[in-house]
Amino acid sequence: MTETMTFEVSQDLLASLKIGIQDLAQEIRLMAAITYFQEKKLSLGKAADLAGCNRLSFMDILAQKGIVIFDYDESIVDSELALVTGPVVVPCHNKSNTQRSY
């Protein structure tokens, strides 16, 4: 189910912006989607829906505008990566064919 929203925009305003009504509507949807995403009121997928595009396109738009998509605390990311990666095993190319762990 969808809802329709309408509001009036003067021709003078459109002329000042140098865009048509359809372009203005799309820009307003995109700005609202970005704002709601940044305020964490909408998920990435829901914000993309509001913007009228798929998630990857919305992510590209956010990246072009310099907007952080994934907002993680660096210390949490480092601790999570340490749990996943574990020790690095490097093959040793000597005669005994043993491996060293670093």
PDB file of N, CA and C in Angstrom:
ATOM      1  N   MET A   1       0.839  -1.174   0.000  1.00  0.00           N
ATOM      2  CA  MET A   1       0.000   0.000   0.000  1.00  0.00           C
ATOM      3  C   MET A   1       0.890   1.245   0.000  1.00  0.00           C
ATOM      4  N   THR A   2       0.531   2.194  -0.781  1.00  0.00           N
ATOM      5  CA  THR A   2       1.294   3.447  -0.854  1.00  0.00           C
ATOM      6  C   THR A   2       0.381   4.629  -0.577  1.00  0.00           C
ATOM      7  N   GLU A   3       0.975   5.695  -0.174  1.00  0.00           N
ATOM      8  CA  GLU A   3       0.283   6.965   0.046  1.00  0.00           C
ATOM      9  C   GLU A   3       0.838   7.979  -0.939  1.00  0.00           C
ATOM     10  N   THR A   4       0.036   8.940  -1.294  1.00  0.00           N
ATOM     11  CA  THR A   4       0.461  10.004  -2.202  1.00  0.00           C
ATOM     12  C   THR A   4       0.479  11.319  -1.444  1.00  0.00           C
ATOM     13  N   MET A   5       1.545  12.074  -1.663  1.00  0.00           N
ATOM     14  CA  MET A   5       1.687  13.371  -1.019  1.00  0.00           C
ATOM     15  C   MET A   5       1.784  14.424  -2.117  1.00  0.00           C
ATOM     16  N   THR A   6       1.071  15.499  -1.968  1.00  0.00           N
ATOM     17  CA  THR A   6       1.146  16.582  -2.952  1.00  0.00           C
ATOM     18  C   THR A   6       1.351  17.910  -2.235  1.00  0.00           C
ATOM     19  N   PHE A   7       2.033  18.810  -2.898  1.00  0.00           N
ATOM     20  CA  PHE A   7       2.153  20.181  -2.407  1.00  0.00           C
ATOM     21  C   PHE A   7       2.417  21.085  -3.591  1.00  0.00           C
ATOM     22  N   GLU A   8       2.135  22.329  -3.417  1.00  0.00           N
ATOM     23  CA  GLU A   8       2.247  23.299  -4.502  1.00  0.00           C
ATOM     24  C   GLU A   8       3.638  23.911  -4.544  1.00  0.00           C
ATOM     25  N   VAL A   9       4.125  24.103  -5.766  1.00  0.00           N
ATOM     26  CA  VAL A   9       5.409  24.755  -6.002  1.00  0.00           C
ATOM     27  C   VAL A   9       5.187  25.766  -7.113  1.00  0.00           C
ATOM     28  N   SER A  10       5.607  26.981  -6.870  1.00  0.00           N
ATOM     29  CA  SER A  10       5.379  28.035  -7.873  1.00  0.00           C
ATOM     30  C   SER A  10       6.316  27.847  -9.067  1.00  0.00           C
ATOM     31  N   GLN A  11       5.850  28.331 -10.204  1.00  0.00           N
ATOM     32  CA  GLN A  11       6.681  28.299 -11.412  1.00  0.00           C
ATOM     33  C   GLN A  11       7.944  29.132 -11.210  1.00  0.00           C
ATOM     34  N   ASP A  12       7.819  30.214 -10.429  1.00  0.00           N
ATOM     35  CA  ASP A  12       8.954  31.084 -10.137  1.00  0.00           C
ATOM     36  C   ASP A  12      10.057  30.306  -9.403  1.00  0.00           C
ATOM     37  N   LEU A  13       9.635  29.467  -8.439  1.00  0.00           N
ATOM     38  CA  LEU A  13      10.596  28.651  -7.694  1.00  0.00           C
ATOM     39  C   LEU A  13      11.283  27.640  -8.608  1.00  0.00           C
ATOM     40  N   LEU A  14      10.492  26.999  -9.457  1.00  0.00           N
ATOM     41  CA  LEU A  14      11.077  26.041 -10.407  1.00  0.00           C
ATOM     42  C   LEU A  14      12.046  26.737 -11.351  1.00  0.00           C
ATOM     43  N   ALA A  15      11.690  27.931 -11.777  1.00  0.00           N
ATOM     44  CA  ALA A  15      12.571  28.691 -12.669  1.00  0.00           C
ATOM     45  C   ALA A  15      13.869  29.067 -11.950  1.00  0.00           C
ATOM     46  N   SER A  16      13.767  29.419 -10.674  1.00  0.00           N
ATOM     47  CA  SER A  16      14.964  29.766  -9.895  1.00  0.00           C
ATOM     48  C   SER A  16      15.886  28.556  -9.749  1.00  0.00           C
ATOM     49  N   LEU A  17      15.284  27.387  -9.555  1.00  0.00           N
ATOM     50  CA  LEU A  17      16.074  26.158  -9.413  1.00  0.00           C
ATOM     51  C   LEU A  17      16.555  25.612 -10.751  1.00  0.00           C
ATOM     52  N   LYS A  18      15.916  26.076 -11.816  1.00  0.00           N
ATOM     53  CA  LYS A  18      16.240  25.623 -13.174  1.00  0.00           C
ATOM     54  C   LYS A  18      16.041  24.113 -13.332  1.00  0.00           C
ATOM     55  N   ILE A  19      14.952  23.607 -12.732  1.00  0.00           N
ATOM     56  CA  ILE A  19      14.597  22.198 -12.883  1.00  0.00           C
ATOM     57  C   ILE A  19      13.089  22.074 -13.059  1.00  0.00           C
ATOM     58  N   GLY A  20      12.681  20.941 -13.564  1.00  0.00           N
ATOM     59  CA  GLY A  20      11.262  20.663 -13.729  1.00  0.00           C
ATOM     60  C   GLY A  20      10.675  20.069 -12.463  1.00  0.00           C
ATOM     61  N   ILE A  21       9.379  19.938 -12.448  1.00  0.00           N
ATOM     62  CA  ILE A  21       8.674  19.444 -11.268  1.00  0.00           C
ATOM     63  C   ILE A  21       9.051  18.004 -10.939  1.00  0.00           C
ATOM     64  N   GLN A  22       9.255  17.156 -11.944  1.00  0.00           N
ATOM     65  CA  GLN A  22       9.635  15.766 -11.699  1.00  0.00           C
ATOM     66  C   GLN A  22      11.034  15.669 -11.084  1.00  0.00           C
ATOM     67  N   ASP A  23      11.962  16.496 -11.577  1.00  0.00           N
ATOM     68  CA  ASP A  23      13.316  16.506 -11.018  1.00  0.00           C
ATOM     69  C   ASP A  23      13.302  17.005  -9.573  1.00  0.00           C
ATOM     70  N   LEU A  24      12.480  18.026  -9.308  1.00  0.00           N
ATOM     71  CA  LEU A  24      12.365  18.535  -7.942  1.00  0.00           C
ATOM     72  C   LEU A  24      11.809  17.460  -7.016  1.00  0.00           C
ATOM     73  N   ALA A  25      10.785  16.769  -7.467  1.00  0.00           N
ATOM     74  CA  ALA A  25      10.198  15.693  -6.652  1.00  0.00           C
ATOM     75  C   ALA A  25      11.239  14.623  -6.338  1.00  0.00           C
ATOM     76  N   GLN A  26      12.033  14.229  -7.329  1.00  0.00           N
ATOM     77  CA  GLN A  26      13.071  13.215  -7.109  1.00  0.00           C
ATOM     78  C   GLN A  26      14.139  13.718  -6.141  1.00  0.00           C
ATOM     79  N   GLU A  27      14.541  14.977  -6.278  1.00  0.00           N
ATOM     80  CA  GLU A  27      15.550  15.541  -5.370  1.00  0.00           C
ATOM     81  C   GLU A  27      15.031  15.620  -3.941  1.00  0.00           C
ATOM     82  N   ILE A  28      13.772  15.980  -3.777  1.00  0.00           N
ATOM     83  CA  ILE A  28      13.193  16.044  -2.433  1.00  0.00           C
ATOM     84  C   ILE A  28      13.152  14.655  -1.809  1.00  0.00           C
ATOM     85  N   ARG A  29      12.751  13.652  -2.602  1.00  0.00           N
ATOM     86  CA  ARG A  29      12.740  12.271  -2.094  1.00  0.00           C
ATOM     87  C   ARG A  29      14.141  11.836  -1.673  1.00  0.00           C
ATOM     88  N   LEU A  30      15.131  12.159  -2.504  1.00  0.00           N
ATOM     89  CA  LEU A  30      16.510  11.777  -2.202  1.00  0.00           C
ATOM     90  C   LEU A  30      17.012  12.483  -0.946  1.00  0.00           C
ATOM     91  N   MET A  31      16.751  13.784  -0.833  1.00  0.00           N
ATOM     92  CA  MET A  31      17.200  14.523   0.356  1.00  0.00           C
ATOM     93  C   MET A  31      16.537  13.993   1.623  1.00  0.00           C
ATOM     94  N   ALA A  32      15.254  13.667   1.530  1.00  0.00           N
ATOM     95  CA  ALA A  32      14.550  13.110   2.688  1.00  0.00           C
ATOM     96  C   ALA A  32      15.137  11.753   3.058  1.00  0.00           C
ATOM     97  N   ALA A  33      15.404  10.922   2.062  1.00  0.00           N
ATOM     98  CA  ALA A  33      15.977   9.592   2.313  1.00  0.00           C
ATOM     99  C   ALA A  33      17.339   9.706   2.980  1.00  0.00           C
ATOM    100  N   ILE A  34      18.179  10.591   2.485  1.00  0.00           N
ATOM    101  CA  ILE A  34      19.508  10.788   3.067  1.00  0.00           C
ATOM    102  C   ILE A  34      19.398  11.281   4.506  1.00  0.00           C
ATOM    103  N   THR A  35      18.534  12.251   4.733  1.00  0.00           N
ATOM    104  CA  THR A  35      18.362  12.796   6.079  1.00  0.00           C
ATOM    105  C   THR A  35      17.873  11.730   7.049  1.00  0.00           C
ATOM    106  N   TYR A  36      16.841  10.989   6.667  1.00  0.00           N
ATOM    107  CA  TYR A  36      16.308   9.951   7.553  1.00  0.00           C
ATOM    108  C   TYR A  36      17.326   8.835   7.785  1.00  0.00           C
ATOM    109  N   PHE A  37      18.141   8.535   6.779  1.00  0.00           N
ATOM    110  CA  PHE A  37      19.196   7.531   6.950  1.00  0.00           C
ATOM    111  C   PHE A  37      20.258   8.037   7.925  1.00  0.00           C
ATOM    112  N   GLN A  38      20.708   9.277   7.760  1.00  0.00           N
ATOM    113  CA  GLN A  38      21.729   9.840   8.643  1.00  0.00           C
ATOM    114  C   GLN A  38      21.240   9.956  10.080  1.00  0.00           C
ATOM    115  N   GLU A  39      19.958  10.219  10.254  1.00  0.00           N
ATOM    116  CA  GLU A  39      19.392  10.321  11.598  1.00  0.00           C
ATOM    117  C   GLU A  39      19.011   8.954  12.171  1.00  0.00           C
ATOM    118  N   LYS A  40      19.319   7.906  11.406  1.00  0.00           N
ATOM    119  CA  LYS A  40      19.035   6.524  11.803  1.00  0.00           C
ATOM    120  C   LYS A  40      17.542   6.269  12.016  1.00  0.00           C
ATOM    121  N   LYS A  41      16.724   7.008  11.286  1.00  0.00           N
ATOM    122  CA  LYS A  41      15.276   6.789  11.324  1.00  0.00           C
ATOM    123  C   LYS A  41      14.858   5.754  10.284  1.00  0.00           C
ATOM    124  N   LEU A  42      15.696   5.589   9.228  1.00  0.00           N
ATOM    125  CA  LEU A  42      15.461   4.577   8.206  1.00  0.00           C
ATOM    126  C   LEU A  42      16.724   3.767   7.991  1.00  0.00           C
ATOM    127  N   SER A  43      16.543   2.488   7.735  1.00  0.00           N
ATOM    128  CA  SER A  43      17.672   1.627   7.372  1.00  0.00           C
ATOM    129  C   SER A  43      18.130   1.989   5.963  1.00  0.00           C
ATOM    130  N   LEU A  44      19.247   1.432   5.561  1.00  0.00           N
ATOM    131  CA  LEU A  44      19.768   1.678   4.222  1.00  0.00           C
ATOM    132  C   LEU A  44      18.750   1.269   3.166  1.00  0.00           C
ATOM    133  N   GLY A  45      18.157   0.089   3.326  1.00  0.00           N
ATOM    134  CA  GLY A  45      17.190  -0.407   2.349  1.00  0.00           C
ATOM    135  C   GLY A  45      15.935   0.444   2.275  1.00  0.00           C
ATOM    136  N   LYS A  46      15.406   0.832   3.435  1.00  0.00           N
ATOM    137  CA  LYS A  46      14.196   1.661   3.463  1.00  0.00           C
ATOM    138  C   LYS A  46      14.479   3.054   2.907  1.00  0.00           C
ATOM    139  N   ALA A  47      15.642   3.595   3.214  1.00  0.00           N
ATOM    140  CA  ALA A  47      16.012   4.907   2.668  1.00  0.00           C
ATOM    141  C   ALA A  47      16.153   4.830   1.154  1.00  0.00           C
ATOM    142  N   ALA A  48      16.732   3.739   0.658  1.00  0.00           N
ATOM    143  CA  ALA A  48      16.844   3.550  -0.793  1.00  0.00           C
ATOM    144  C   ALA A  48      15.456   3.488  -1.427  1.00  0.00           C
ATOM    145  N   ASP A  49      14.528   2.783  -0.766  1.00  0.00           N
ATOM    146  CA  ASP A  49      13.145   2.726  -1.264  1.00  0.00           C
ATOM    147  C   ASP A  49      12.546   4.126  -1.346  1.00  0.00           C
ATOM    148  N   LEU A  50      12.733   4.919  -0.295  1.00  0.00           N
ATOM    149  CA  LEU A  50      12.199   6.278  -0.289  1.00  0.00           C
ATOM    150  C   LEU A  50      12.822   7.108  -1.408  1.00  0.00           C
ATOM    151  N   ALA A  51      14.107   6.903  -1.657  1.00  0.00           N
ATOM    152  CA  ALA A  51      14.804   7.641  -2.713  1.00  0.00           C
ATOM    153  C   ALA A  51      14.400   7.171  -4.101  1.00  0.00           C
ATOM    154  N   GLY A  52      13.758   6.003  -4.167  1.00  0.00           N
ATOM    155  CA  GLY A  52      13.326   5.484  -5.467  1.00  0.00           C
ATOM    156  C   GLY A  52      14.417   4.768  -6.229  1.00  0.00           C
ATOM    157  N   CYS A  53      15.362   4.162  -5.496  1.00  0.00           N
ATOM    158  CA  CYS A  53      16.440   3.423  -6.158  1.00  0.00           C
ATOM    159  C   CYS A  53      16.769   2.169  -5.350  1.00  0.00           C
ATOM    160  N   ASN A  54      17.663   1.337  -5.891  1.00  0.00           N
ATOM    161  CA  ASN A  54      18.076   0.140  -5.152  1.00  0.00           C
ATOM    162  C   ASN A  54      19.186   0.497  -4.161  1.00  0.00           C
ATOM    163  N   ARG A  55      19.506  -0.461  -3.294  1.00  0.00           N
ATOM    164  CA  ARG A  55      20.501  -0.202  -2.239  1.00  0.00           C
ATOM    165  C   ARG A  55      21.864   0.184  -2.789  1.00  0.00           C
ATOM    166  N   LEU A  56      22.326  -0.522  -3.826  1.00  0.00           N
ATOM    167  CA  LEU A  56      23.659  -0.224  -4.366  1.00  0.00           C
ATOM    168  C   LEU A  56      23.719   1.183  -4.950  1.00  0.00           C
ATOM    169  N   SER A  57      22.676   1.577  -5.665  1.00  0.00           N
ATOM    170  CA  SER A  57      22.640   2.943  -6.221  1.00  0.00           C
ATOM    171  C   SER A  57      22.617   3.976  -5.103  1.00  0.00           C
ATOM    172  N   PHE A  58      21.831   3.703  -4.054  1.00  0.00           N
ATOM    173  CA  PHE A  58      21.766   4.629  -2.923  1.00  0.00           C
ATOM    174  C   PHE A  58      23.121   4.716  -2.224  1.00  0.00           C
ATOM    175  N   MET A  59      23.794   3.584  -2.080  1.00  0.00           N
ATOM    176  CA  MET A  59      25.131   3.585  -1.476  1.00  0.00           C
ATOM    177  C   MET A  59      26.102   4.406  -2.322  1.00  0.00           C
ATOM    178  N   ASP A  60      26.006   4.293  -3.640  1.00  0.00           N
ATOM    179  CA  ASP A  60      26.855   5.098  -4.528  1.00  0.00           C
ATOM    180  C   ASP A  60      26.590   6.583  -4.341  1.00  0.00           C
ATOM    181  N   ILE A  61      25.318   6.953  -4.228  1.00  0.00           N
ATOM    182  CA  ILE A  61      24.957   8.355  -4.025  1.00  0.00           C
ATOM    183  C   ILE A  61      25.529   8.856  -2.705  1.00  0.00           C
ATOM    184  N   LEU A  62      25.378   8.054  -1.646  1.00  0.00           N
ATOM    185  CA  LEU A  62      25.924   8.445  -0.344  1.00  0.00           C
ATOM    186  C   LEU A  62      27.441   8.623  -0.428  1.00  0.00           C
ATOM    187  N   ALA A  63      28.115   7.691  -1.102  1.00  0.00           N
ATOM    188  CA  ALA A  63      29.573   7.778  -1.235  1.00  0.00           C
ATOM    189  C   ALA A  63      29.977   9.033  -2.005  1.00  0.00           C
ATOM    190  N   GLN A  64      29.252   9.355  -3.078  1.00  0.00           N
ATOM    191  CA  GLN A  64      29.549  10.552  -3.868  1.00  0.00           C
ATOM    192  C   GLN A  64      29.403  11.824  -3.028  1.00  0.00           C
ATOM    193  N   LYS A  65      28.487  11.788  -2.081  1.00  0.00           N
ATOM    194  CA  LYS A  65      28.253  12.949  -1.223  1.00  0.00           C
ATOM    195  C   LYS A  65      29.125  12.925   0.034  1.00  0.00           C
ATOM    196  N   GLY A  66      29.985  11.895   0.155  1.00  0.00           N
ATOM    197  CA  GLY A  66      30.889  11.808   1.298  1.00  0.00           C
ATOM    198  C   GLY A  66      30.194  11.424   2.592  1.00  0.00           C
ATOM    199  N   ILE A  67      29.061  10.746   2.486  1.00  0.00           N
ATOM    200  CA  ILE A  67      28.292  10.354   3.663  1.00  0.00           C
ATOM    201  C   ILE A  67      28.694   8.950   4.086  1.00  0.00           C
ATOM    202  N   VAL A  68      29.024   8.798   5.358  1.00  0.00           N
ATOM    203  CA  VAL A  68      29.453   7.509   5.896  1.00  0.00           C
ATOM    204  C   VAL A  68      28.273   6.538   5.876  1.00  0.00           C
ATOM    205  N   ILE A  69      28.517   5.362   5.306  1.00  0.00           N
ATOM    206  CA  ILE A  69      27.457   4.358   5.200  1.00  0.00           C
ATOM    207  C   ILE A  69      27.444   3.468   6.429  1.00  0.00           C
ATOM    208  N   PHE A  70      28.609   2.993   6.802  1.00  0.00           N
ATOM    209  CA  PHE A  70      28.728   2.105   7.952  1.00  0.00           C
ATOM    210  C   PHE A  70      29.468   2.845   9.051  1.00  0.00           C
ATOM    211  N   ASP A  71      28.788   3.129  10.120  1.00  0.00           N
ATOM    212  CA  ASP A  71      29.331   3.942  11.205  1.00  0.00           C
ATOM    213  C   ASP A  71      29.699   3.029  12.375  1.00  0.00           C
ATOM    214  N   TYR A  72      30.918   2.478  12.330  1.00  0.00           N
ATOM    215  CA  TYR A  72      31.372   1.556  13.369  1.00  0.00           C
ATOM    216  C   TYR A  72      32.438   2.207  14.216  1.00  0.00           C
ATOM    217  N   ASP A  73      32.443   1.871  15.488  1.00  0.00           N
ATOM    218  CA  ASP A  73      33.496   2.295  16.390  1.00  0.00           C
ATOM    219  C   ASP A  73      34.760   1.507  16.016  1.00  0.00           C
ATOM    220  N   GLU A  74      35.849   2.194  15.775  1.00  0.00           N
ATOM    221  CA  GLU A  74      37.083   1.558  15.309  1.00  0.00           C
ATOM    222  C   GLU A  74      37.594   0.492  16.274  1.00  0.00           C
ATOM    223  N   SER A  75      37.476   0.717  17.569  1.00  0.00           N
ATOM    224  CA  SER A  75      37.958  -0.268  18.536  1.00  0.00           C
ATOM    225  C   SER A  75      37.134  -1.553  18.475  1.00  0.00           C
ATOM    226  N   ILE A  76      35.846  -1.422  18.223  1.00  0.00           N
ATOM    227  CA  ILE A  76      34.997  -2.614  18.094  1.00  0.00           C
ATOM    228  C   ILE A  76      35.364  -3.385  16.841  1.00  0.00           C
ATOM    229  N   VAL A  77      35.586  -2.673  15.736  1.00  0.00           N
ATOM    230  CA  VAL A  77      35.976  -3.331  14.491  1.00  0.00           C
ATOM    231  C   VAL A  77      37.299  -4.066  14.665  1.00  0.00           C
ATOM    232  N   ASP A  78      38.281  -3.419  15.306  1.00  0.00           N
ATOM    233  CA  ASP A  78      39.586  -4.051  15.518  1.00  0.00           C
ATOM    234  C   ASP A  78      39.452  -5.330  16.352  1.00  0.00           C
ATOM    235  N   SER A  79      38.652  -5.290  17.413  1.00  0.00           N
ATOM    236  CA  SER A  79      38.509  -6.482  18.251  1.00  0.00           C
ATOM    237  C   SER A  79      37.768  -7.587  17.511  1.00  0.00           C
ATOM    238  N   GLU A  80      36.775  -7.244  16.707  1.00  0.00           N
ATOM    239  CA  GLU A  80      36.059  -8.244  15.923  1.00  0.00           C
ATOM    240  C   GLU A  80      36.971  -8.880  14.877  1.00  0.00           C
ATOM    241  N   LEU A  81      37.789  -8.068  14.215  1.00  0.00           N
ATOM    242  CA  LEU A  81      38.709  -8.597  13.214  1.00  0.00           C
ATOM    243  C   LEU A  81      39.750  -9.512  13.847  1.00  0.00           C
ATOM    244  N   ALA A  82      40.203  -9.170  15.031  1.00  0.00           N
ATOM    245  CA  ALA A  82      41.183 -10.012  15.721  1.00  0.00           C
ATOM    246  C   ALA A  82      40.589 -11.391  16.014  1.00  0.00           C
ATOM    247  N   LEU A  83      39.328 -11.438  16.355  1.00  0.00           N
ATOM    248  CA  LEU A  83      38.675 -12.719  16.621  1.00  0.00           C
ATOM    249  C   LEU A  83      38.534 -13.557  15.354  1.00  0.00           C
ATOM    250  N   VAL A  84      38.290 -12.907  14.251  1.00  0.00           N
ATOM    251  CA  VAL A  84      38.069 -13.618  12.994  1.00  0.00           C
ATOM    252  C   VAL A  84      39.367 -14.087  12.361  1.00  0.00           C
ATOM    253  N   THR A  85      40.381 -13.239  12.362  1.00  0.00           N
ATOM    254  CA  THR A  85      41.599 -13.557  11.625  1.00  0.00           C
ATOM    255  C   THR A  85      42.490 -14.565  12.333  1.00  0.00           C
ATOM    256  N   GLY A  86      42.657 -14.454  13.630  1.00  0.00           N
ATOM    257  CA  GLY A  86      43.538 -15.374  14.348  1.00  0.00           C
ATOM    258  C   GLY A  86      44.969 -15.232  13.875  1.00  0.00           C
ATOM    259  N   PRO A  87      45.831 -16.201  14.206  1.00  0.00           N
ATOM    260  CA  PRO A  87      47.234 -16.111  13.793  1.00  0.00           C
ATOM    261  C   PRO A  87      47.390 -16.372  12.298  1.00  0.00           C
ATOM    262  N   VAL A  88      48.353 -15.712  11.705  1.00  0.00           N
ATOM    263  CA  VAL A  88      48.651 -15.891  10.292  1.00  0.00           C
ATOM    264  C   VAL A  88      49.684 -17.001  10.162  1.00  0.00           C
ATOM    265  N   VAL A  89      49.419 -18.005   9.326  1.00  0.00           N
ATOM    266  CA  VAL A  89      50.345 -19.117   9.106  1.00  0.00           C
ATOM    267  C   VAL A  89      51.031 -18.914   7.771  1.00  0.00           C
ATOM    268  N   VAL A  90      52.378 -18.870   7.823  1.00  0.00           N
ATOM    269  CA  VAL A  90      53.169 -18.648   6.618  1.00  0.00           C
ATOM    270  C   VAL A  90      53.984 -19.906   6.357  1.00  0.00           C
ATOM    271  N   PRO A  91      53.858 -20.497   5.149  1.00  0.00           N
ATOM    272  CA  PRO A  91      54.638 -21.699   4.874  1.00  0.00           C
ATOM    273  C   PRO A  91      56.134 -21.384   4.846  1.00  0.00           C
ATOM    274  N   CYS A  92      56.920 -22.291   5.386  1.00  0.00           N
ATOM    275  CA  CYS A  92      58.367 -22.146   5.413  1.00  0.00           C
ATOM    276  C   CYS A  92      58.943 -22.996   4.286  1.00  0.00           C
ATOM    277  N   HIS A  93      59.801 -22.434   3.483  1.00  0.00           N
ATOM    278  CA  HIS A  93      60.351 -23.154   2.340  1.00  0.00           C
ATOM    279  C   HIS A  93      61.743 -23.695   2.638  1.00  0.00           C
ATOM    280  N   ASN A  94      61.878 -24.384   3.762  1.00  0.00           N
ATOM    281  CA  ASN A  94      63.169 -25.013   4.036  1.00  0.00           C
ATOM    282  C   ASN A  94      63.027 -26.520   3.859  1.00  0.00           C
ATOM    283  N   LYS A  95      64.068 -27.261   4.095  1.00  0.00           N
ATOM    284  CA  LYS A  95      64.087 -28.701   3.825  1.00  0.00           C
ATOM    285  C   LYS A  95      63.122 -29.475   4.711  1.00  0.00           C
ATOM    286  N   SER A  96      62.863 -29.004   5.929  1.00  0.00           N
ATOM    287  CA  SER A  96      62.004 -29.766   6.833  1.00  0.00           C
ATOM    288  C   SER A  96      60.523 -29.537   6.526  1.00  0.00           C
ATOM    289  N   ASN A  97      60.227 -28.536   5.672  1.00  0.00           N
ATOM    290  CA  ASN A  97      58.860 -28.254   5.238  1.00  0.00           C
ATOM    291  C   ASN A  97      57.920 -27.984   6.415  1.00  0.00           C
ATOM    292  N   THR A  98      58.400 -27.273   7.416  1.00  0.00           N
ATOM    293  CA  THR A  98      57.569 -26.916   8.559  1.00  0.00           C
ATOM    294  C   THR A  98      56.909 -25.561   8.299  1.00  0.00           C
ATOM    295  N   GLN A  99      55.916 -25.239   9.089  1.00  0.00           N
ATOM    296  CA  GLN A  99      55.233 -23.957   8.973  1.00  0.00           C
ATOM    297  C   GLN A  99      55.480 -23.141  10.229  1.00  0.00           C
ATOM    298  N   ARG A 100      55.580 -21.848  10.045  1.00  0.00           N
ATOM    299  CA  ARG A 100      55.744 -20.949  11.177  1.00  0.00           C
ATOM    300  C   ARG A 100      54.462 -20.143  11.368  1.00  0.00           C
ATOM    301  N   SER A 101      54.129 -19.909  12.617  1.00  0.00           N
ATOM    302  CA  SER A 101      52.963 -19.098  12.938  1.00  0.00           C
ATOM    303  C   SER A 101      53.431 -17.783  13.511  1.00  0.00           C
ATOM    304  N   TYR A 102      52.871 -16.676  13.037  1.00  0.00           N
ATOM    305  CA  TYR A 102      53.248 -15.348  13.507  1.00  0.00           C
ATOM    306  C   TYR A 102      52.074 -14.709  14.213  1.00  0.00           C
TER     307      TYR A 102
END
